[in-house]
Amino acid sequence: MTLLRRVLPHPFLFLALLGMWLLMTQSLSTGQILLGALVAFGGCWAMVALDPEPARIGRPLAIARLAGRVFVDVFRSNVAVGRIILGDEEKRTHSGFMSLKLDLTDRYGLAVLAIVLTCTPGTQWVHYDPTRGVLTLHVLDLVDEKHWVRTIKQRYETLLMEIFE
């Protein structure tokens, strides 16, 4: 183990956390850089204490396709949610909960799916039962539950299984 790895066990995480800190504070002052470095250093050692198993990520083309799909879907959902909120009262009465059986079992793939669904306006990851593999989801515009099942399974789950399993 090199000296750098002993002092800074996760250098990429350190750089990512420092970058996020500087973006959030919108400052490149010496004080913010030092404070951000201290927070990032603490985050790296917290990750050592958690000792997560390494993620096996494959298929870079699938990652790019997933990113593109998420970008397009987030844009479309923003427009759809805007129409629901600014539209007539009748469109606002279709929200509800739905359950979906997932084939995806990888913990990192499930985490990415949770982020995608929660970041997409109009959907919210509510609960996942790992013993049954069932996801409970809240949807703002739940007119056709089968449409949502097809969308999640075909657009996201298949790519996440390619990437993580």
C-alpha atoms as a PDB file:
ATOM      1  CA  MET A   1       0.000   0.000   0.000  1.00  0.00           C
ATOM      2  CA  THR A   2       1.494   3.324  -1.022  1.00  0.00           C
ATOM      3  CA  LEU A   3       1.840   6.267   1.333  1.00  0.00           C
ATOM      4  CA  LEU A   4      -0.838   8.193  -0.563  1.00  0.00           C
ATOM      5  CA  ARG A   5      -3.331   5.339  -0.128  1.00  0.00           C
ATOM      6  CA  ARG A   6      -2.540   5.121   3.599  1.00  0.00           C
ATOM      7  CA  VAL A   7      -3.212   8.837   4.086  1.00  0.00           C
ATOM      8  CA  LEU A   8      -5.979   9.193   1.497  1.00  0.00           C
ATOM      9  CA  PRO A   9      -7.615   5.786   0.942  1.00  0.00           C
ATOM     10  CA  HIS A  10     -10.108   6.966  -1.713  1.00  0.00           C
ATOM     11  CA  PRO A  11      -8.495   9.748  -3.788  1.00  0.00           C
ATOM     12  CA  PHE A  12     -11.284   9.938  -6.396  1.00  0.00           C
ATOM     13  CA  LEU A  13     -13.911  10.201  -3.670  1.00  0.00           C
ATOM     14  CA  PHE A  14     -11.822  12.933  -2.050  1.00  0.00           C
ATOM     15  CA  LEU A  15     -11.735  14.916  -5.305  1.00  0.00           C
ATOM     16  CA  ALA A  16     -15.466  14.386  -5.910  1.00  0.00           C
ATOM     17  CA  LEU A  17     -16.402  15.506  -2.389  1.00  0.00           C
ATOM     18  CA  LEU A  18     -14.092  18.507  -2.568  1.00  0.00           C
ATOM     19  CA  GLY A  19     -15.524  19.460  -5.947  1.00  0.00           C
ATOM     20  CA  MET A  20     -19.094  19.162  -4.654  1.00  0.00           C
ATOM     21  CA  TRP A  21     -18.208  21.270  -1.625  1.00  0.00           C
ATOM     22  CA  LEU A  22     -16.769  24.016  -3.799  1.00  0.00           C
ATOM     23  CA  LEU A  23     -19.758  23.901  -6.146  1.00  0.00           C
ATOM     24  CA  MET A  24     -22.212  24.141  -3.254  1.00  0.00           C
ATOM     25  CA  THR A  25     -20.382  27.016  -1.587  1.00  0.00           C
ATOM     26  CA  GLN A  26     -19.743  28.725  -4.949  1.00  0.00           C
ATOM     27  CA  SER A  27     -16.385  29.900  -3.692  1.00  0.00           C
ATOM     28  CA  LEU A  28     -12.745  29.165  -4.422  1.00  0.00           C
ATOM     29  CA  SER A  29     -11.424  31.010  -1.383  1.00  0.00           C
ATOM     30  CA  THR A  30      -8.587  29.458   0.561  1.00  0.00           C
ATOM     31  CA  GLY A  31     -10.832  28.923   3.578  1.00  0.00           C
ATOM     32  CA  GLN A  32     -13.489  27.071   1.577  1.00  0.00           C
ATOM     33  CA  ILE A  33     -10.873  24.922  -0.145  1.00  0.00           C
ATOM     34  CA  LEU A  34      -9.342  23.969   3.219  1.00  0.00           C
ATOM     35  CA  LEU A  35     -12.739  23.343   4.834  1.00  0.00           C
ATOM     36  CA  GLY A  36     -13.875  21.328   1.810  1.00  0.00           C
ATOM     37  CA  ALA A  37     -10.651  19.292   1.929  1.00  0.00           C
ATOM     38  CA  LEU A  38     -11.250  18.583   5.615  1.00  0.00           C
ATOM     39  CA  VAL A  39     -14.830  17.440   4.943  1.00  0.00           C
ATOM     40  CA  ALA A  40     -13.684  15.324   1.966  1.00  0.00           C
ATOM     41  CA  PHE A  41     -10.899  13.785   4.062  1.00  0.00           C
ATOM     42  CA  GLY A  42     -13.443  12.862   6.748  1.00  0.00           C
ATOM     43  CA  GLY A  43     -15.749  11.418   4.094  1.00  0.00           C
ATOM     44  CA  CYS A  44     -12.958   9.212   2.765  1.00  0.00           C
ATOM     45  CA  TRP A  45     -12.212   7.794   6.207  1.00  0.00           C
ATOM     46  CA  ALA A  46     -15.925   7.281   6.861  1.00  0.00           C
ATOM     47  CA  MET A  47     -15.994   5.187   3.698  1.00  0.00           C
ATOM     48  CA  VAL A  48     -13.088   3.109   5.049  1.00  0.00           C
ATOM     49  CA  ALA A  49     -15.061   2.510   8.247  1.00  0.00           C
ATOM     50  CA  LEU A  50     -18.131   1.412   6.240  1.00  0.00           C
ATOM     51  CA  ASP A  51     -15.992  -0.954   4.137  1.00  0.00           C
ATOM     52  CA  PRO A  52     -18.425  -1.443   1.227  1.00  0.00           C
ATOM     53  CA  GLU A  53     -17.851  -4.244  -1.238  1.00  0.00           C
ATOM     54  CA  PRO A  54     -16.507  -2.899  -4.533  1.00  0.00           C
ATOM     55  CA  ALA A  55     -19.023  -2.375  -7.320  1.00  0.00           C
ATOM     56  CA  ARG A  56     -18.532  -4.344 -10.508  1.00  0.00           C
ATOM     57  CA  ILE A  57     -19.418  -1.966 -13.280  1.00  0.00           C
ATOM     58  CA  GLY A  58     -19.434  -3.103 -16.859  1.00  0.00           C
ATOM     59  CA  ARG A  59     -20.656  -2.078 -20.273  1.00  0.00           C
ATOM     60  CA  PRO A  60     -19.700   1.608 -20.691  1.00  0.00           C
ATOM     61  CA  LEU A  61     -22.066   1.870 -23.664  1.00  0.00           C
ATOM     62  CA  ALA A  62     -24.978   0.806 -21.429  1.00  0.00           C
ATOM     63  CA  ILE A  63     -23.971   3.489 -18.920  1.00  0.00           C
ATOM     64  CA  ALA A  64     -24.062   6.123 -21.661  1.00  0.00           C
ATOM     65  CA  ARG A  65     -27.471   4.879 -22.881  1.00  0.00           C
ATOM     66  CA  LEU A  66     -28.839   4.952 -19.331  1.00  0.00           C
ATOM     67  CA  ALA A  67     -27.552   8.497 -18.784  1.00  0.00           C
ATOM     68  CA  GLY A  68     -29.178   9.618 -22.035  1.00  0.00           C
ATOM     69  CA  ARG A  69     -32.486   7.997 -21.135  1.00  0.00           C
ATOM     70  CA  VAL A  70     -32.477   9.542 -17.678  1.00  0.00           C
ATOM     71  CA  PHE A  71     -31.703  12.986 -19.126  1.00  0.00           C
ATOM     72  CA  VAL A  72     -34.577  12.731 -21.632  1.00  0.00           C
ATOM     73  CA  ASP A  73     -37.005  11.285 -19.064  1.00  0.00           C
ATOM     74  CA  VAL A  74     -36.227  13.950 -16.459  1.00  0.00           C
ATOM     75  CA  PHE A  75     -36.875  16.654 -19.075  1.00  0.00           C
ATOM     76  CA  ARG A  76     -40.154  15.028 -20.166  1.00  0.00           C
ATOM     77  CA  SER A  77     -41.251  14.535 -16.566  1.00  0.00           C
ATOM     78  CA  ASN A  78     -40.565  18.183 -15.749  1.00  0.00           C
ATOM     79  CA  VAL A  79     -42.850  19.208 -18.596  1.00  0.00           C
ATOM     80  CA  ALA A  80     -45.537  16.667 -17.597  1.00  0.00           C
ATOM     81  CA  VAL A  81     -45.471  17.657 -13.918  1.00  0.00           C
ATOM     82  CA  GLY A  82     -45.660  21.322 -14.910  1.00  0.00           C
ATOM     83  CA  ARG A  83     -48.765  20.582 -16.974  1.00  0.00           C
ATOM     84  CA  ILE A  84     -50.348  18.671 -14.109  1.00  0.00           C
ATOM     85  CA  ILE A  85     -49.647  21.392 -11.566  1.00  0.00           C
ATOM     86  CA  LEU A  86     -50.634  24.276 -13.819  1.00  0.00           C
ATOM     87  CA  GLY A  87     -53.424  22.382 -15.586  1.00  0.00           C
ATOM     88  CA  ASP A  88     -56.984  21.737 -14.574  1.00  0.00           C
ATOM     89  CA  GLU A  89     -58.049  20.157 -11.286  1.00  0.00           C
ATOM     90  CA  GLU A  90     -59.043  16.805 -12.842  1.00  0.00           C
ATOM     91  CA  LYS A  91     -55.443  15.930 -13.823  1.00  0.00           C
ATOM     92  CA  ARG A  92     -54.306  16.226 -10.214  1.00  0.00           C
ATOM     93  CA  THR A  93     -56.467  13.362  -8.972  1.00  0.00           C
ATOM     94  CA  HIS A  94     -54.528  10.496 -10.568  1.00  0.00           C
ATOM     95  CA  SER A  95     -51.677  10.139  -8.095  1.00  0.00           C
ATOM     96  CA  GLY A  96     -51.215   6.893  -6.244  1.00  0.00           C
ATOM     97  CA  PHE A  97     -49.013   4.066  -5.067  1.00  0.00           C
ATOM     98  CA  MET A  98     -48.062   1.048  -7.123  1.00  0.00           C
ATOM     99  CA  SER A  99     -46.026  -2.108  -6.556  1.00  0.00           C
ATOM    100  CA  LEU A 100     -43.530  -3.487  -9.016  1.00  0.00           C
ATOM    101  CA  LYS A 101     -41.632  -6.793  -8.947  1.00  0.00           C
ATOM    102  CA  LEU A 102     -37.983  -6.165  -9.801  1.00  0.00           C
ATOM    103  CA  ASP A 103     -35.551  -8.694 -11.242  1.00  0.00           C
ATOM    104  CA  LEU A 104     -32.602  -6.453 -10.350  1.00  0.00           C
ATOM    105  CA  THR A 105     -30.872  -7.638  -7.165  1.00  0.00           C
ATOM    106  CA  ASP A 106     -27.497  -5.855  -7.146  1.00  0.00           C
ATOM    107  CA  ARG A 107     -27.385  -3.332  -4.311  1.00  0.00           C
ATOM    108  CA  TYR A 108     -25.589  -0.723  -6.413  1.00  0.00           C
ATOM    109  CA  GLY A 109     -28.024  -1.170  -9.280  1.00  0.00           C
ATOM    110  CA  LEU A 110     -30.929  -0.750  -6.873  1.00  0.00           C
ATOM    111  CA  ALA A 111     -29.307   2.392  -5.463  1.00  0.00           C
ATOM    112  CA  VAL A 112     -28.952   3.881  -8.950  1.00  0.00           C
ATOM    113  CA  LEU A 113     -32.570   2.974  -9.739  1.00  0.00           C
ATOM    114  CA  ALA A 114     -33.686   4.664  -6.503  1.00  0.00           C
ATOM    115  CA  ILE A 115     -31.772   7.803  -7.471  1.00  0.00           C
ATOM    116  CA  VAL A 116     -33.182   7.801 -11.003  1.00  0.00           C
ATOM    117  CA  LEU A 117     -36.783   7.320  -9.882  1.00  0.00           C
ATOM    118  CA  THR A 118     -36.548   9.849  -7.063  1.00  0.00           C
ATOM    119  CA  CYS A 119     -34.830  12.471  -9.244  1.00  0.00           C
ATOM    120  CA  THR A 120     -37.440  12.101 -11.957  1.00  0.00           C
ATOM    121  CA  PRO A 121     -40.246  14.556 -11.191  1.00  0.00           C
ATOM    122  CA  GLY A 122     -43.545  12.851 -10.525  1.00  0.00           C
ATOM    123  CA  THR A 123     -42.123   9.611  -9.108  1.00  0.00           C
ATOM    124  CA  GLN A 124     -40.892   8.742  -5.621  1.00  0.00           C
ATOM    125  CA  TRP A 125     -39.231   5.526  -4.423  1.00  0.00           C
ATOM    126  CA  VAL A 126     -41.175   4.652  -1.266  1.00  0.00           C
ATOM    127  CA  HIS A 127     -40.119   1.176  -0.139  1.00  0.00           C
ATOM    128  CA  TYR A 128     -38.225  -1.858  -1.373  1.00  0.00           C
ATOM    129  CA  ASP A 129     -38.781  -5.313   0.091  1.00  0.00           C
ATOM    130  CA  PRO A 130     -35.591  -7.292  -0.656  1.00  0.00           C
ATOM    131  CA  THR A 131     -37.058 -10.634   0.388  1.00  0.00           C
ATOM    132  CA  ARG A 132     -39.794 -10.431  -2.255  1.00  0.00           C
ATOM    133  CA  GLY A 133     -38.008  -8.060  -4.661  1.00  0.00           C
ATOM    134  CA  VAL A 134     -41.007  -5.697  -4.671  1.00  0.00           C
ATOM    135  CA  LEU A 135     -40.682  -1.946  -5.056  1.00  0.00           C
ATOM    136  CA  THR A 136     -43.412   0.410  -3.846  1.00  0.00           C
ATOM    137  CA  LEU A 137     -43.484   3.599  -5.861  1.00  0.00           C
ATOM    138  CA  HIS A 138     -45.583   6.760  -5.659  1.00  0.00           C
ATOM    139  CA  VAL A 139     -46.524   8.230  -9.030  1.00  0.00           C
ATOM    140  CA  LEU A 140     -48.072  11.662  -9.518  1.00  0.00           C
ATOM    141  CA  ASP A 141     -49.831  10.679 -12.747  1.00  0.00           C
ATOM    142  CA  LEU A 142     -50.864   7.062 -12.182  1.00  0.00           C
ATOM    143  CA  VAL A 143     -53.375   6.587 -14.982  1.00  0.00           C
ATOM    144  CA  ASP A 144     -51.987   3.313 -16.370  1.00  0.00           C
ATOM    145  CA  GLU A 145     -49.986   1.180 -13.936  1.00  0.00           C
ATOM    146  CA  LYS A 146     -48.903  -1.230 -16.701  1.00  0.00           C
ATOM    147  CA  HIS A 147     -47.328   1.683 -18.581  1.00  0.00           C
ATOM    148  CA  TRP A 148     -45.198   2.536 -15.537  1.00  0.00           C
ATOM    149  CA  VAL A 149     -44.164  -1.099 -15.052  1.00  0.00           C
ATOM    150  CA  ARG A 150     -43.100  -1.362 -18.718  1.00  0.00           C
ATOM    151  CA  THR A 151     -41.271   1.962 -18.555  1.00  0.00           C
ATOM    152  CA  ILE A 152     -39.261   1.122 -15.455  1.00  0.00           C
ATOM    153  CA  LYS A 153     -38.453  -2.450 -16.442  1.00  0.00           C
ATOM    154  CA  GLN A 154     -37.596  -1.755 -20.104  1.00  0.00           C
ATOM    155  CA  ARG A 155     -35.973   1.669 -19.850  1.00  0.00           C
ATOM    156  CA  TYR A 156     -34.051   1.331 -16.589  1.00  0.00           C
ATOM    157  CA  GLU A 157     -33.964  -2.139 -15.087  1.00  0.00           C
ATOM    158  CA  THR A 158     -32.644  -3.923 -18.183  1.00  0.00           C
ATOM    159  CA  LEU A 159     -29.775  -1.444 -18.557  1.00  0.00           C
ATOM    160  CA  LEU A 160     -28.966  -1.527 -14.846  1.00  0.00           C
ATOM    161  CA  MET A 161     -28.798  -5.318 -14.978  1.00  0.00           C
ATOM    162  CA  GLU A 162     -26.400  -5.062 -17.932  1.00  0.00           C
ATOM    163  CA  ILE A 163     -24.224  -2.622 -16.007  1.00  0.00           C
ATOM    164  CA  PHE A 164     -24.193  -4.203 -12.546  1.00  0.00           C
ATOM    165  CA  GLU A 165     -25.005  -7.921 -12.846  1.00  0.00           C
END
